């Protein structure tokens, strides 16, 4: 499956947990998840913003990254510049942002489900 950052970050914040995201996390015990290369930047950005807003402490961000590193998550190594035209067309046809289109593109490429709360 491909997991969107909206699902992953729900695991980080108690006030954002939901049954769907929890179910995806449980599924991680039996399957591998794929994410586009932009995922790492998205995770770090959410953590940095949360720290700046005093929603998370630095130690909590470090612990969350350690948790993510233990999960079977594979970062797709296709260079985004190889997919520029495809992502542009997909974003236009679906109304998605370039970031969300990257997750959908990866799910379509791997012929697997996309886990998202967006």
Protein backbone atom coordinates (compact mmCIF):
# COMPACT_ATOMS: atom_id res chain seq x y z
CA UNK A 1 0.00 0.00 0.00
CA UNK A 2 0.95 3.64 -0.33
CA UNK A 3 0.46 5.72 2.82
CA UNK A 4 -0.19 9.42 2.65
CA UNK A 5 1.44 11.75 5.14
CA UNK A 6 -2.01 12.63 6.51
CA UNK A 7 -2.26 9.07 7.86
CA UNK A 8 1.31 8.95 9.15
CA UNK A 9 1.07 12.21 11.05
CA UNK A 10 -2.18 11.12 12.71
CA UNK A 11 0.01 8.58 14.52
CA UNK A 12 2.07 11.43 15.97
CA UNK A 13 -0.63 13.60 17.53
CA UNK A 14 -3.09 12.28 20.11
CA UNK A 15 -5.77 14.76 19.06
CA UNK A 16 -5.56 13.56 15.45
CA UNK A 17 -5.79 9.83 16.02
CA UNK A 18 -8.65 8.06 14.34
CA UNK A 19 -9.75 4.49 13.74
CA UNK A 20 -8.73 4.59 10.08
CA UNK A 21 -5.14 5.71 10.76
CA UNK A 22 -4.87 3.23 13.64
CA UNK A 23 -6.05 0.47 11.31
CA UNK A 24 -3.41 1.38 8.75
CA UNK A 25 -0.75 1.25 11.47
CA UNK A 26 -1.96 -2.21 12.53
CA UNK A 27 -1.81 -3.32 8.88
CA UNK A 28 1.88 -2.31 8.85
CA UNK A 29 2.58 -5.48 10.86
CA UNK A 30 1.79 -7.56 7.78
CA UNK A 31 2.58 -5.38 4.78
CA UNK A 32 5.12 -2.97 3.37
CA UNK A 33 4.17 0.62 2.71
CA UNK A 34 5.47 2.85 -0.04
CA UNK A 35 5.79 6.62 0.03
CA UNK A 36 7.02 9.12 -2.58
CA UNK A 37 10.34 10.86 -2.05
CA UNK A 38 8.57 14.05 -0.93
CA UNK A 39 7.26 12.17 2.14
CA UNK A 40 10.43 12.68 4.20
CA UNK A 41 10.24 16.44 3.67
CA UNK A 42 6.56 16.47 4.60
CA UNK A 43 7.16 14.54 7.83
CA UNK A 44 10.00 16.79 8.91
CA UNK A 45 8.04 19.94 8.05
CA UNK A 46 5.05 18.87 10.15
CA UNK A 47 7.36 18.07 13.07
CA UNK A 48 9.19 21.39 12.80
CA UNK A 49 5.96 23.38 12.68
CA UNK A 50 4.60 21.41 15.65
CA UNK A 51 7.77 22.14 17.63
CA UNK A 52 7.62 25.84 16.80
CA UNK A 53 3.99 25.97 17.91
CA UNK A 54 4.91 24.14 21.14
CA UNK A 55 2.70 21.23 20.14
CA UNK A 56 5.64 18.81 20.32
CA UNK A 57 8.94 18.79 22.15
CA UNK A 58 12.14 17.98 20.28
CA UNK A 59 12.43 14.67 22.10
CA UNK A 60 8.94 13.69 20.91
CA UNK A 61 9.91 14.42 17.31
CA UNK A 62 13.03 12.29 17.70
CA UNK A 63 10.98 9.42 19.16
CA UNK A 64 8.43 9.66 16.35
CA UNK A 65 11.15 9.49 13.68
CA UNK A 66 12.63 6.48 15.48
CA UNK A 67 9.20 4.82 15.32
CA UNK A 68 8.91 5.55 11.60
CA UNK A 69 12.37 4.11 11.00
CA UNK A 70 11.21 0.83 12.54
CA UNK A 71 8.22 0.49 10.22
CA UNK A 72 8.41 -1.26 6.84
CA UNK A 73 8.18 1.96 4.83
CA UNK A 74 9.99 2.16 1.50
CA UNK A 75 10.69 5.59 0.07
CA UNK A 76 10.27 5.49 -3.70
CA UNK A 77 13.49 6.63 -5.33
CA UNK A 78 12.06 7.79 -8.66
CA UNK A 79 13.34 11.27 -9.16
CA UNK A 80 10.43 13.74 -9.32
CA UNK A 81 11.91 15.39 -12.40
CA UNK A 82 11.30 12.12 -14.26
CA UNK A 83 7.60 12.42 -13.45
CA UNK A 84 6.99 16.13 -13.99
CA UNK A 85 4.61 15.75 -16.93
CA UNK A 86 2.77 12.82 -15.34
CA UNK A 87 2.30 14.63 -12.03
CA UNK A 88 1.17 17.81 -13.76
CA UNK A 89 -1.41 15.92 -15.82
CA UNK A 90 -2.61 13.92 -12.80
CA UNK A 91 -2.91 17.04 -10.64
CA UNK A 92 -4.88 18.79 -13.38
CA UNK A 93 -7.26 15.90 -13.99
CA UNK A 94 -7.95 15.22 -10.30
CA UNK A 95 -7.67 18.69 -8.78
CA UNK A 96 -4.99 17.39 -6.39
CA UNK A 97 -1.93 19.27 -5.20
CA UNK A 98 1.40 18.13 -6.61
CA UNK A 99 2.16 16.45 -3.28
CA UNK A 100 -1.09 14.49 -3.20
CA UNK A 101 -0.71 13.64 -6.88
CA UNK A 102 2.70 12.10 -6.05
CA UNK A 103 1.03 9.67 -3.62
CA UNK A 104 -1.71 8.79 -6.10
CA UNK A 105 0.83 8.35 -8.90
CA UNK A 106 2.85 5.95 -6.75
CA UNK A 107 -0.25 3.93 -5.86
CA UNK A 108 -1.21 3.72 -9.53
CA UNK A 109 2.34 2.79 -10.55
CA UNK A 110 2.48 -0.03 -7.98
CA UNK A 111 -1.15 -1.03 -8.52
CA UNK A 112 -1.87 -0.88 -4.81
CA UNK A 113 -4.29 0.93 -2.48
CA UNK A 114 -3.67 4.44 -1.21
CA UNK A 115 -4.24 5.04 2.51
CA UNK A 116 -5.18 8.67 3.06
CA UNK A 117 -7.45 10.80 5.21
CA UNK A 118 -7.32 13.74 2.80
